[in-house]
Each structure stands twice: as structure tokens, then as C-alpha cells.
Amino acid sequence: MAKHVAELMTKRDLGIKLLKGIPDVLCPTPEGAFYLLPDISAYFGKQTSTGEFITSADDLARHLLNTYKVALVPGDAFGAPETLRLSYAATHAEITDAVTKLGQCLLALR
């Protein structure tokens, strides 16, 4: 069991480190969960390259899925409407890919 907990902590720390590299994204470090809830509200009100306005985590999750093929869940179902839910019960490569594409998506908004 300790080995699994250590692996999840390593993955959590990887996700946190990568998220810290995205401007204006805040993410608390969870103590006992296996997901991250990065606050992406600084990007609300911005526009995609196709002219779609991002006004909520729902909008951003849909845009991420359709354009970047990344499936993240809006945080409003977890009482955190300014966030997206990112599970770190995934591989290191999947976490890196998802957070990298999230950053690309956010930085492409205008």
C-alpha cells in the first residue's frame, strides 16, 4: 500500500509542478485525493481562435476536448466552479500530455 501511495504522491507532485508553469493558474496541493483542481478562472472571458468565448470551466472543458483531445471535468460538480478536475491516477506521460495541452490551450486564448 505504501508503494501505491508514494507513486500517487509522485504523480501529484508532477501535476502540480507542470501546472505552476502555466501563467495565472493556481492549484492547491491535495492531501488525500487523487485529483487536482487547478483554478483557471483567470482565462474566463477570453476567446478561442475560432471566436468562441470561454466563460466557464464547462466552456473550457468542451474546448479542450474538441480542439486538444483532452478530457478534463469541470469542477462545479465538486463545489469548485472556477476549476477543472485533473485525475493523477494516470501515467506520468498522460499527466504530462494533459497539462501541456491545457497550457497550450490557455496560452492560445486571446
Foldseek 3Di string as FASTA:
>chain_A
DVVVVVVLVVLLVLLQVLQVPAPPWDWDRDDDAQKTWIQPQVLAQWAAPVGDGHHWLVSLQVCCCVPVVAHWAQCVVVVRGRTTIGGSPDDSVNSVSNSVSSSVRSVRTD
